[in-house]
ModelCIF file with pLDDT and N, C-alpha, C, O atoms, coordinates in Angstrom:
data_MODEL
#
_entry.id   MODEL 
#
_entity.id                         1 
_entity.type                       polymer 
_entity.pdbx_number_of_molecules   1 
#
_entity_poly.entity_id                      1 
_entity_poly.type                           'polypeptide(L)' 
_entity_poly.nstd_linkage                   no 
_entity_poly.nstd_monomer                   no 
_entity_poly.pdbx_seq_one_letter_code       CGGEGKVIKNKCKECAGEGIVYGEEVVTVKIPAGVAEGMQLSMSGK 
_entity_poly.pdbx_seq_one_letter_code_can   CGGEGKVIKNKCKECAGEGIVYGEEVVTVKIPAGVAEGMQLSMSGK 
_entity_poly.pdbx_strand_id                 A 
#
loop_
_entity_poly_seq.entity_id 
_entity_poly_seq.num 
_entity_poly_seq.mon_id 
_entity_poly_seq.hetero 
1 1  CYS n 
1 2  GLY n 
1 3  GLY n 
1 4  GLU n 
1 5  GLY n 
1 6  LYS n 
1 7  VAL n 
1 8  ILE n 
1 9  LYS n 
1 10 ASN n 
1 11 LYS n 
1 12 CYS n 
1 13 LYS n 
1 14 GLU n 
1 15 CYS n 
1 16 ALA n 
1 17 GLY n 
1 18 GLU n 
1 19 GLY n 
1 20 ILE n 
1 21 VAL n 
1 22 TYR n 
1 23 GLY n 
1 24 GLU n 
1 25 GLU n 
1 26 VAL n 
1 27 VAL n 
1 28 THR n 
1 29 VAL n 
1 30 LYS n 
1 31 ILE n 
1 32 PRO n 
1 33 ALA n 
1 34 GLY n 
1 35 VAL n 
1 36 ALA n 
1 37 GLU n 
1 38 GLY n 
1 39 MET n 
1 40 GLN n 
1 41 LEU n 
1 42 SER n 
1 43 MET n 
1 44 SER n 
1 45 GLY n 
1 46 LYS n 
#
_struct_asym.id          A 
_struct_asym.entity_id   1 
#
loop_
_ma_qa_metric.id 
_ma_qa_metric.mode 
_ma_qa_metric.name 
_ma_qa_metric.software_group_id 
_ma_qa_metric.type 
1 global pLDDT . pLDDT 
2 local  pLDDT . pLDDT 
#
_ma_qa_metric_global.metric_id      1 
_ma_qa_metric_global.metric_value   86.52 
_ma_qa_metric_global.model_id       1 
_ma_qa_metric_global.ordinal_id     1 
#
loop_
_ma_qa_metric_local.label_asym_id 
_ma_qa_metric_local.label_comp_id 
_ma_qa_metric_local.label_seq_id 
_ma_qa_metric_local.metric_id 
_ma_qa_metric_local.metric_value 
_ma_qa_metric_local.model_id 
_ma_qa_metric_local.ordinal_id 
A CYS 1  2 82.00 1 1  
A GLY 2  2 80.00 1 2  
A GLY 3  2 81.00 1 3  
A GLU 4  2 81.00 1 4  
A GLY 5  2 81.00 1 5  
A LYS 6  2 83.00 1 6  
A VAL 7  2 85.00 1 7  
A ILE 8  2 84.00 1 8  
A LYS 9  2 82.00 1 9  
A ASN 10 2 84.00 1 10 
A LYS 11 2 85.00 1 11 
A CYS 12 2 88.00 1 12 
A LYS 13 2 86.00 1 13 
A GLU 14 2 88.00 1 14 
A CYS 15 2 89.00 1 15 
A ALA 16 2 85.00 1 16 
A GLY 17 2 85.00 1 17 
A GLU 18 2 87.00 1 18 
A GLY 19 2 88.00 1 19 
A ILE 20 2 90.00 1 20 
A VAL 21 2 91.00 1 21 
A TYR 22 2 91.00 1 22 
A GLY 23 2 91.00 1 23 
A GLU 24 2 89.00 1 24 
A GLU 25 2 90.00 1 25 
A VAL 26 2 90.00 1 26 
A VAL 27 2 89.00 1 27 
A THR 28 2 89.00 1 28 
A VAL 29 2 88.00 1 29 
A LYS 30 2 89.00 1 30 
A ILE 31 2 88.00 1 31 
A PRO 32 2 89.00 1 32 
A ALA 33 2 89.00 1 33 
A GLY 34 2 88.00 1 34 
A VAL 35 2 89.00 1 35 
A ALA 36 2 88.00 1 36 
A GLU 37 2 88.00 1 37 
A GLY 38 2 86.00 1 38 
A MET 39 2 86.00 1 39 
A GLN 40 2 85.00 1 40 
A LEU 41 2 85.00 1 41 
A SER 42 2 84.00 1 42 
A MET 43 2 85.00 1 43 
A SER 44 2 84.00 1 44 
A GLY 45 2 86.00 1 45 
A LYS 46 2 89.00 1 46 
#
loop_
_atom_site.group_PDB 
_atom_site.id 
_atom_site.type_symbol 
_atom_site.label_atom_id 
_atom_site.label_alt_id 
_atom_site.label_comp_id 
_atom_site.label_asym_id 
_atom_site.label_entity_id 
_atom_site.label_seq_id 
_atom_site.pdbx_PDB_ins_code 
_atom_site.Cartn_x 
_atom_site.Cartn_y 
_atom_site.Cartn_z 
_atom_site.occupancy 
_atom_site.B_iso_or_equiv 
_atom_site.pdbx_formal_charge 
_atom_site.auth_seq_id 
_atom_site.auth_comp_id 
_atom_site.auth_asym_id 
_atom_site.auth_atom_id 
_atom_site.pdbx_PDB_model_num 
ATOM 1   N N  . CYS A 1 1  ? -15.981 -11.713 -13.566 1.00 82.00 ? 1  CYS A N  1 
ATOM 2   C CA . CYS A 1 1  ? -14.701 -10.992 -13.630 1.00 82.00 ? 1  CYS A CA 1 
ATOM 3   C C  . CYS A 1 1  ? -13.937 -11.006 -12.324 1.00 82.00 ? 1  CYS A C  1 
ATOM 4   O O  . CYS A 1 1  ? -12.827 -10.480 -12.250 1.00 82.00 ? 1  CYS A O  1 
ATOM 5   N N  . GLY A 1 2  ? -14.529 -11.615 -11.269 1.00 80.00 ? 2  GLY A N  1 
ATOM 6   C CA . GLY A 1 2  ? -13.844 -11.658 -9.983  1.00 80.00 ? 2  GLY A CA 1 
ATOM 7   C C  . GLY A 1 2  ? -13.737 -10.313 -9.301  1.00 80.00 ? 2  GLY A C  1 
ATOM 8   O O  . GLY A 1 2  ? -12.898 -10.126 -8.421  1.00 80.00 ? 2  GLY A O  1 
ATOM 9   N N  . GLY A 1 3  ? -14.593 -9.360  -9.705  1.00 81.00 ? 3  GLY A N  1 
ATOM 10  C CA . GLY A 1 3  ? -14.605 -8.044  -9.074  1.00 81.00 ? 3  GLY A CA 1 
ATOM 11  C C  . GLY A 1 3  ? -13.787 -6.992  -9.798  1.00 81.00 ? 3  GLY A C  1 
ATOM 12  O O  . GLY A 1 3  ? -13.741 -5.844  -9.355  1.00 81.00 ? 3  GLY A O  1 
ATOM 13  N N  . GLU A 1 4  ? -13.132 -7.353  -10.914 1.00 81.00 ? 4  GLU A N  1 
ATOM 14  C CA . GLU A 1 4  ? -12.281 -6.389  -11.622 1.00 81.00 ? 4  GLU A CA 1 
ATOM 15  C C  . GLU A 1 4  ? -13.064 -5.464  -12.559 1.00 81.00 ? 4  GLU A C  1 
ATOM 16  O O  . GLU A 1 4  ? -12.580 -4.388  -12.911 1.00 81.00 ? 4  GLU A O  1 
ATOM 17  N N  . GLY A 1 5  ? -14.242 -5.865  -12.955 1.00 81.00 ? 5  GLY A N  1 
ATOM 18  C CA . GLY A 1 5  ? -15.043 -5.037  -13.855 1.00 81.00 ? 5  GLY A CA 1 
ATOM 19  C C  . GLY A 1 5  ? -14.723 -5.224  -15.320 1.00 81.00 ? 5  GLY A C  1 
ATOM 20  O O  . GLY A 1 5  ? -15.328 -4.581  -16.177 1.00 81.00 ? 5  GLY A O  1 
ATOM 21  N N  . LYS A 1 6  ? -13.765 -6.111  -15.623 1.00 83.00 ? 6  LYS A N  1 
ATOM 22  C CA . LYS A 1 6  ? -13.415 -6.379  -17.016 1.00 83.00 ? 6  LYS A CA 1 
ATOM 23  C C  . LYS A 1 6  ? -12.966 -7.829  -17.147 1.00 83.00 ? 6  LYS A C  1 
ATOM 24  O O  . LYS A 1 6  ? -12.555 -8.465  -16.176 1.00 83.00 ? 6  LYS A O  1 
ATOM 25  N N  . VAL A 1 7  ? -13.056 -8.325  -18.355 1.00 85.00 ? 7  VAL A N  1 
ATOM 26  C CA . VAL A 1 7  ? -12.622 -9.696  -18.649 1.00 85.00 ? 7  VAL A CA 1 
ATOM 27  C C  . VAL A 1 7  ? -11.617 -9.654  -19.787 1.00 85.00 ? 7  VAL A C  1 
ATOM 28  O O  . VAL A 1 7  ? -11.697 -8.805  -20.676 1.00 85.00 ? 7  VAL A O  1 
ATOM 29  N N  . ILE A 1 8  ? -10.672 -10.582 -19.746 1.00 84.00 ? 8  ILE A N  1 
ATOM 30  C CA . ILE A 1 8  ? -9.618  -10.645 -20.761 1.00 84.00 ? 8  ILE A CA 1 
ATOM 31  C C  . ILE A 1 8  ? -10.054 -11.582 -21.875 1.00 84.00 ? 8  ILE A C  1 
ATOM 32  O O  . ILE A 1 8  ? -10.382 -12.743 -21.631 1.00 84.00 ? 8  ILE A O  1 
ATOM 33  N N  . LYS A 1 9  ? -10.055 -11.071 -23.092 1.00 82.00 ? 9  LYS A N  1 
ATOM 34  C CA . LYS A 1 9  ? -10.431 -11.892 -24.247 1.00 82.00 ? 9  LYS A CA 1 
ATOM 35  C C  . LYS A 1 9  ? -9.247  -12.717 -24.737 1.00 82.00 ? 9  LYS A C  1 
ATOM 36  O O  . LYS A 1 9  ? -9.350  -13.929 -24.926 1.00 82.00 ? 9  LYS A O  1 
ATOM 37  N N  . ASN A 1 10 ? -8.119  -12.036 -24.938 1.00 84.00 ? 10 ASN A N  1 
ATOM 38  C CA . ASN A 1 10 ? -6.912  -12.714 -25.419 1.00 84.00 ? 10 ASN A CA 1 
ATOM 39  C C  . ASN A 1 10 ? -5.823  -12.602 -24.347 1.00 84.00 ? 10 ASN A C  1 
ATOM 40  O O  . ASN A 1 10 ? -5.278  -11.522 -24.119 1.00 84.00 ? 10 ASN A O  1 
ATOM 41  N N  . LYS A 1 11 ? -5.511  -13.723 -23.692 1.00 85.00 ? 11 LYS A N  1 
ATOM 42  C CA . LYS A 1 11 ? -4.546  -13.695 -22.603 1.00 85.00 ? 11 LYS A CA 1 
ATOM 43  C C  . LYS A 1 11 ? -3.117  -13.534 -23.124 1.00 85.00 ? 11 LYS A C  1 
ATOM 44  O O  . LYS A 1 11 ? -2.752  -14.055 -24.179 1.00 85.00 ? 11 LYS A O  1 
ATOM 45  N N  . CYS A 1 12 ? -2.323  -12.792 -22.345 1.00 88.00 ? 12 CYS A N  1 
ATOM 46  C CA . CYS A 1 12 ? -0.917  -12.580 -22.673 1.00 88.00 ? 12 CYS A CA 1 
ATOM 47  C C  . CYS A 1 12 ? -0.187  -13.928 -22.706 1.00 88.00 ? 12 CYS A C  1 
ATOM 48  O O  . CYS A 1 12 ? -0.382  -14.774 -21.834 1.00 88.00 ? 12 CYS A O  1 
ATOM 49  N N  . LYS A 1 13 ? 0.655   -14.108 -23.727 1.00 86.00 ? 13 LYS A N  1 
ATOM 50  C CA . LYS A 1 13 ? 1.364   -15.384 -23.885 1.00 86.00 ? 13 LYS A CA 1 
ATOM 51  C C  . LYS A 1 13 ? 2.471   -15.560 -22.852 1.00 86.00 ? 13 LYS A C  1 
ATOM 52  O O  . LYS A 1 13 ? 2.853   -16.686 -22.531 1.00 86.00 ? 13 LYS A O  1 
ATOM 53  N N  . GLU A 1 14 ? 2.990   -14.436 -22.327 1.00 88.00 ? 14 GLU A N  1 
ATOM 54  C CA . GLU A 1 14 ? 4.110   -14.513 -21.390 1.00 88.00 ? 14 GLU A CA 1 
ATOM 55  C C  . GLU A 1 14 ? 3.660   -14.829 -19.963 1.00 88.00 ? 14 GLU A C  1 
ATOM 56  O O  . GLU A 1 14 ? 4.311   -15.598 -19.256 1.00 88.00 ? 14 GLU A O  1 
ATOM 57  N N  . CYS A 1 15 ? 2.555   -14.236 -19.549 1.00 89.00 ? 15 CYS A N  1 
ATOM 58  C CA . CYS A 1 15 ? 2.119   -14.391 -18.151 1.00 89.00 ? 15 CYS A CA 1 
ATOM 59  C C  . CYS A 1 15 ? 0.820   -15.175 -18.023 1.00 89.00 ? 15 CYS A C  1 
ATOM 60  O O  . CYS A 1 15 ? 0.290   -15.312 -16.920 1.00 89.00 ? 15 CYS A O  1 
ATOM 61  N N  . ALA A 1 16 ? 0.303   -15.687 -19.124 1.00 85.00 ? 16 ALA A N  1 
ATOM 62  C CA . ALA A 1 16 ? -0.938  -16.472 -19.130 1.00 85.00 ? 16 ALA A CA 1 
ATOM 63  C C  . ALA A 1 16 ? -2.121  -15.689 -18.565 1.00 85.00 ? 16 ALA A C  1 
ATOM 64  O O  . ALA A 1 16 ? -3.019  -16.251 -17.938 1.00 85.00 ? 16 ALA A O  1 
ATOM 65  N N  . GLY A 1 17 ? -2.097  -14.372 -18.802 1.00 85.00 ? 17 GLY A N  1 
ATOM 66  C CA . GLY A 1 17 ? -3.220  -13.534 -18.401 1.00 85.00 ? 17 GLY A CA 1 
ATOM 67  C C  . GLY A 1 17 ? -3.162  -13.033 -16.958 1.00 85.00 ? 17 GLY A C  1 
ATOM 68  O O  . GLY A 1 17 ? -4.084  -12.356 -16.502 1.00 85.00 ? 17 GLY A O  1 
ATOM 69  N N  . GLU A 1 18 ? -2.091  -13.358 -16.240 1.00 87.00 ? 18 GLU A N  1 
ATOM 70  C CA . GLU A 1 18 ? -1.990  -12.941 -14.833 1.00 87.00 ? 18 GLU A CA 1 
ATOM 71  C C  . GLU A 1 18 ? -1.476  -11.512 -14.677 1.00 87.00 ? 18 GLU A C  1 
ATOM 72  O O  . GLU A 1 18 ? -1.791  -10.846 -13.691 1.00 87.00 ? 18 GLU A O  1 
ATOM 73  N N  . GLY A 1 19 ? -0.701  -11.047 -15.624 1.00 88.00 ? 19 GLY A N  1 
ATOM 74  C CA . GLY A 1 19 ? -0.119  -9.703  -15.519 1.00 88.00 ? 19 GLY A CA 1 
ATOM 75  C C  . GLY A 1 19 ? 1.165   -9.659  -14.709 1.00 88.00 ? 19 GLY A C  1 
ATOM 76  O O  . GLY A 1 19 ? 1.780   -8.600  -14.581 1.00 88.00 ? 19 GLY A O  1 
ATOM 77  N N  . ILE A 1 20 ? 1.582   -10.803 -14.157 1.00 90.00 ? 20 ILE A N  1 
ATOM 78  C CA . ILE A 1 20 ? 2.819   -10.882 -13.383 1.00 90.00 ? 20 ILE A CA 1 
ATOM 79  C C  . ILE A 1 20 ? 3.608   -12.127 -13.784 1.00 90.00 ? 20 ILE A C  1 
ATOM 80  O O  . ILE A 1 20 ? 3.034   -13.137 -14.190 1.00 90.00 ? 20 ILE A O  1 
ATOM 81  N N  . VAL A 1 21 ? 4.920   -12.035 -13.664 1.00 91.00 ? 21 VAL A N  1 
ATOM 82  C CA . VAL A 1 21 ? 5.802   -13.172 -13.934 1.00 91.00 ? 21 VAL A CA 1 
ATOM 83  C C  . VAL A 1 21 ? 6.830   -13.252 -12.807 1.00 91.00 ? 21 VAL A C  1 
ATOM 84  O O  . VAL A 1 21 ? 7.059   -12.273 -12.097 1.00 91.00 ? 21 VAL A O  1 
ATOM 85  N N  . TYR A 1 22 ? 7.445   -14.423 -12.648 1.00 91.00 ? 22 TYR A N  1 
ATOM 86  C CA . TYR A 1 22 ? 8.450   -14.600 -11.599 1.00 91.00 ? 22 TYR A CA 1 
ATOM 87  C C  . TYR A 1 22 ? 9.786   -14.060 -12.098 1.00 91.00 ? 22 TYR A C  1 
ATOM 88  O O  . TYR A 1 22 ? 10.291  -14.470 -13.143 1.00 91.00 ? 22 TYR A O  1 
ATOM 89  N N  . GLY A 1 23 ? 10.344  -13.128 -11.324 1.00 91.00 ? 23 GLY A N  1 
ATOM 90  C CA . GLY A 1 23 ? 11.607  -12.527 -11.715 1.00 91.00 ? 23 GLY A CA 1 
ATOM 91  C C  . GLY A 1 23 ? 12.408  -12.141 -10.489 1.00 91.00 ? 23 GLY A C  1 
ATOM 92  O O  . GLY A 1 23 ? 12.268  -12.744 -9.425  1.00 91.00 ? 23 GLY A O  1 
ATOM 93  N N  . GLU A 1 24 ? 13.242  -11.139 -10.646 1.00 89.00 ? 24 GLU A N  1 
ATOM 94  C CA . GLU A 1 24 ? 14.054  -10.700 -9.507  1.00 89.00 ? 24 GLU A CA 1 
ATOM 95  C C  . GLU A 1 24 ? 14.265  -9.193  -9.560  1.00 89.00 ? 24 GLU A C  1 
ATOM 96  O O  . GLU A 1 24 ? 14.156  -8.571  -10.617 1.00 89.00 ? 24 GLU A O  1 
ATOM 97  N N  . GLU A 1 25 ? 14.565  -8.627  -8.412  1.00 90.00 ? 25 GLU A N  1 
ATOM 98  C CA . GLU A 1 25 ? 14.797  -7.186  -8.299  1.00 90.00 ? 25 GLU A CA 1 
ATOM 99  C C  . GLU A 1 25 ? 15.806  -6.932  -7.188  1.00 90.00 ? 25 GLU A C  1 
ATOM 100 O O  . GLU A 1 25 ? 15.757  -7.573  -6.138  1.00 90.00 ? 25 GLU A O  1 
ATOM 101 N N  . VAL A 1 26 ? 16.721  -5.996  -7.421  1.00 90.00 ? 26 VAL A N  1 
ATOM 102 C CA . VAL A 1 26 ? 17.673  -5.594  -6.397  1.00 90.00 ? 26 VAL A CA 1 
ATOM 103 C C  . VAL A 1 26 ? 17.089  -4.387  -5.662  1.00 90.00 ? 26 VAL A C  1 
ATOM 104 O O  . VAL A 1 26 ? 16.797  -3.358  -6.271  1.00 90.00 ? 26 VAL A O  1 
ATOM 105 N N  . VAL A 1 27 ? 16.924  -4.527  -4.359  1.00 89.00 ? 27 VAL A N  1 
ATOM 106 C CA . VAL A 1 27 ? 16.318  -3.475  -3.538  1.00 89.00 ? 27 VAL A CA 1 
ATOM 107 C C  . VAL A 1 27 ? 17.334  -2.990  -2.511  1.00 89.00 ? 27 VAL A C  1 
ATOM 108 O O  . VAL A 1 27 ? 17.980  -3.792  -1.837  1.00 89.00 ? 27 VAL A O  1 
ATOM 109 N N  . THR A 1 28 ? 17.468  -1.681  -2.398  1.00 89.00 ? 28 THR A N  1 
ATOM 110 C CA . THR A 1 28 ? 18.357  -1.083  -1.402  1.00 89.00 ? 28 THR A CA 1 
ATOM 111 C C  . THR A 1 28 ? 17.531  -0.602  -0.217  1.00 89.00 ? 28 THR A C  1 
ATOM 112 O O  . THR A 1 28 ? 16.582  0.165   -0.377  1.00 89.00 ? 28 THR A O  1 
ATOM 113 N N  . VAL A 1 29 ? 17.900  -1.059  0.963   1.00 88.00 ? 29 VAL A N  1 
ATOM 114 C CA . VAL A 1 29 ? 17.191  -0.688  2.188   1.00 88.00 ? 29 VAL A CA 1 
ATOM 115 C C  . VAL A 1 29 ? 18.107  0.188   3.042   1.00 88.00 ? 29 VAL A C  1 
ATOM 116 O O  . VAL A 1 29 ? 19.232  -0.203  3.356   1.00 88.00 ? 29 VAL A O  1 
ATOM 117 N N  . LYS A 1 30 ? 17.628  1.360   3.411   1.00 89.00 ? 30 LYS A N  1 
ATOM 118 C CA . LYS A 1 30 ? 18.378  2.246   4.295   1.00 89.00 ? 30 LYS A CA 1 
ATOM 119 C C  . LYS A 1 30 ? 17.923  1.997   5.727   1.00 89.00 ? 30 LYS A C  1 
ATOM 120 O O  . LYS A 1 30 ? 16.795  2.316   6.101   1.00 89.00 ? 30 LYS A O  1 
ATOM 121 N N  . ILE A 1 31 ? 18.823  1.421   6.520   1.00 88.00 ? 31 ILE A N  1 
ATOM 122 C CA . ILE A 1 31 ? 18.504  1.075   7.909   1.00 88.00 ? 31 ILE A CA 1 
ATOM 123 C C  . ILE A 1 31 ? 19.002  2.187   8.823   1.00 88.00 ? 31 ILE A C  1 
ATOM 124 O O  . ILE A 1 31 ? 20.187  2.516   8.789   1.00 88.00 ? 31 ILE A O  1 
ATOM 125 N N  . PRO A 1 32 ? 18.142  2.766   9.626   1.00 89.00 ? 32 PRO A N  1 
ATOM 126 C CA . PRO A 1 32 ? 18.547  3.897   10.474  1.00 89.00 ? 32 PRO A CA 1 
ATOM 127 C C  . PRO A 1 32 ? 19.421  3.460   11.635  1.00 89.00 ? 32 PRO A C  1 
ATOM 128 O O  . PRO A 1 32 ? 19.430  2.288   12.012  1.00 89.00 ? 32 PRO A O  1 
ATOM 129 N N  . ALA A 1 33 ? 20.149  4.401   12.193  1.00 89.00 ? 33 ALA A N  1 
ATOM 130 C CA . ALA A 1 33 ? 20.987  4.126   13.364  1.00 89.00 ? 33 ALA A CA 1 
ATOM 131 C C  . ALA A 1 33 ? 20.109  3.857   14.577  1.00 89.00 ? 33 ALA A C  1 
ATOM 132 O O  . ALA A 1 33 ? 19.038  4.446   14.727  1.00 89.00 ? 33 ALA A O  1 
ATOM 133 N N  . GLY A 1 34 ? 20.575  2.963   15.438  1.00 88.00 ? 34 GLY A N  1 
ATOM 134 C CA . GLY A 1 34 ? 19.889  2.720   16.704  1.00 88.00 ? 34 GLY A CA 1 
ATOM 135 C C  . GLY A 1 34 ? 18.861  1.617   16.702  1.00 88.00 ? 34 GLY A C  1 
ATOM 136 O O  . GLY A 1 34 ? 18.197  1.403   17.717  1.00 88.00 ? 34 GLY A O  1 
ATOM 137 N N  . VAL A 1 35 ? 18.701  0.900   15.589  1.00 89.00 ? 35 VAL A N  1 
ATOM 138 C CA . VAL A 1 35 ? 17.710  -0.175  15.558  1.00 89.00 ? 35 VAL A CA 1 
ATOM 139 C C  . VAL A 1 35 ? 18.132  -1.286  16.513  1.00 89.00 ? 35 VAL A C  1 
ATOM 140 O O  . VAL A 1 35 ? 19.288  -1.350  16.933  1.00 89.00 ? 35 VAL A O  1 
ATOM 141 N N  . ALA A 1 36 ? 17.197  -2.152  16.849  1.00 88.00 ? 36 ALA A N  1 
ATOM 142 C CA . ALA A 1 36 ? 17.483  -3.211  17.817  1.00 88.00 ? 36 ALA A CA 1 
ATOM 143 C C  . ALA A 1 36 ? 16.927  -4.537  17.331  1.00 88.00 ? 36 ALA A C  1 
ATOM 144 O O  . ALA A 1 36 ? 16.105  -4.595  16.416  1.00 88.00 ? 36 ALA A O  1 
ATOM 145 N N  . GLU A 1 37 ? 17.398  -5.602  17.968  1.00 88.00 ? 37 GLU A N  1 
ATOM 146 C CA . GLU A 1 37 ? 16.950  -6.960  17.661  1.00 88.00 ? 37 GLU A CA 1 
ATOM 147 C C  . GLU A 1 37 ? 15.427  -7.045  17.709  1.00 88.00 ? 37 GLU A C  1 
ATOM 148 O O  . GLU A 1 37 ? 14.803  -6.588  18.666  1.00 88.00 ? 37 GLU A O  1 
ATOM 149 N N  . GLY A 1 38 ? 14.832  -7.633  16.666  1.00 86.00 ? 38 GLY A N  1 
ATOM 150 C CA . GLY A 1 38 ? 13.391  -7.838  16.629  1.00 86.00 ? 38 GLY A CA 1 
ATOM 151 C C  . GLY A 1 38 ? 12.605  -6.724  15.969  1.00 86.00 ? 38 GLY A C  1 
ATOM 152 O O  . GLY A 1 38 ? 11.427  -6.901  15.655  1.00 86.00 ? 38 GLY A O  1 
ATOM 153 N N  . MET A 1 39 ? 13.246  -5.557  15.748  1.00 86.00 ? 39 MET A N  1 
ATOM 154 C CA . MET A 1 39 ? 12.539  -4.480  15.051  1.00 86.00 ? 39 MET A CA 1 
ATOM 155 C C  . MET A 1 39 ? 12.286  -4.876  13.597  1.00 86.00 ? 39 MET A C  1 
ATOM 156 O O  . MET A 1 39 ? 13.051  -5.633  12.999  1.00 86.00 ? 39 MET A O  1 
ATOM 157 N N  . GLN A 1 40 ? 11.222  -4.358  13.057  1.00 85.00 ? 40 GLN A N  1 
ATOM 158 C CA . GLN A 1 40 ? 10.855  -4.670  11.680  1.00 85.00 ? 40 GLN A CA 1 
ATOM 159 C C  . GLN A 1 40 ? 10.681  -3.386  10.883  1.00 85.00 ? 40 GLN A C  1 
ATOM 160 O O  . GLN A 1 40 ? 9.915   -2.501  11.266  1.00 85.00 ? 40 GLN A O  1 
ATOM 161 N N  . LEU A 1 41 ? 11.399  -3.295  9.774   1.00 85.00 ? 41 LEU A N  1 
ATOM 162 C CA . LEU A 1 41 ? 11.263  -2.169  8.872   1.00 85.00 ? 41 LEU A CA 1 
ATOM 163 C C  . LEU A 1 41 ? 10.405  -2.600  7.689   1.00 85.00 ? 41 LEU A C  1 
ATOM 164 O O  . LEU A 1 41 ? 10.340  -3.784  7.359   1.00 85.00 ? 41 LEU A O  1 
ATOM 165 N N  . SER A 1 42 ? 9.755   -1.641  7.059   1.00 84.00 ? 42 SER A N  1 
ATOM 166 C CA . SER A 1 42 ? 8.883   -1.967  5.941   1.00 84.00 ? 42 SER A CA 1 
ATOM 167 C C  . SER A 1 42 ? 9.109   -1.015  4.791   1.00 84.00 ? 42 SER A C  1 
ATOM 168 O O  . SER A 1 42 ? 9.130   0.202   4.969   1.00 84.00 ? 42 SER A O  1 
ATOM 169 N N  . MET A 1 43 ? 9.277   -1.580  3.609   1.00 85.00 ? 43 MET A N  1 
ATOM 170 C CA . MET A 1 43 ? 9.365   -0.785  2.393   1.00 85.00 ? 43 MET A CA 1 
ATOM 171 C C  . MET A 1 43 ? 8.084   -0.990  1.597   1.00 85.00 ? 43 MET A C  1 
ATOM 172 O O  . MET A 1 43 ? 7.833   -2.071  1.066   1.00 85.00 ? 43 MET A O  1 
ATOM 173 N N  . SER A 1 44 ? 7.297   0.043   1.525   1.00 84.00 ? 44 SER A N  1 
ATOM 174 C CA . SER A 1 44 ? 6.005   -0.043  0.857   1.00 84.00 ? 44 SER A CA 1 
ATOM 175 C C  . SER A 1 44 ? 6.183   -0.279  -0.638  1.00 84.00 ? 44 SER A C  1 
ATOM 176 O O  . SER A 1 44 ? 6.971   0.398   -1.299  1.00 84.00 ? 44 SER A O  1 
ATOM 177 N N  . GLY A 1 45 ? 5.434   -1.256  -1.162  1.00 86.00 ? 45 GLY A N  1 
ATOM 178 C CA . GLY A 1 45 ? 5.428   -1.491  -2.597  1.00 86.00 ? 45 GLY A CA 1 
ATOM 179 C C  . GLY A 1 45 ? 6.600   -2.279  -3.137  1.00 86.00 ? 45 GLY A C  1 
ATOM 180 O O  . GLY A 1 45 ? 6.743   -2.394  -4.354  1.00 86.00 ? 45 GLY A O  1 
ATOM 181 N N  . LYS A 1 46 ? 7.450   -2.830  -2.272  1.00 89.00 ? 46 LYS A N  1 
ATOM 182 C CA . LYS A 1 46 ? 8.616   -3.585  -2.734  1.00 89.00 ? 46 LYS A CA 1 
ATOM 183 C C  . LYS A 1 46 ? 8.433   -5.095  -2.577  1.00 89.00 ? 46 LYS A C  1 
ATOM 184 O O  . LYS A 1 46 ? 9.329   -5.865  -2.922  1.00 89.00 ? 46 LYS A O  1 
#
């Protein structure tokens, strides 16, 4: 099972059993005042 503890008997026809597909999402990032060149912001889970 690759460490998942379960195995898939019938794989999803849309994602071939992966559980993910290639798509798109619009994400809004709020950038604070005072940032500088080279700083890196992170949005968890996006």
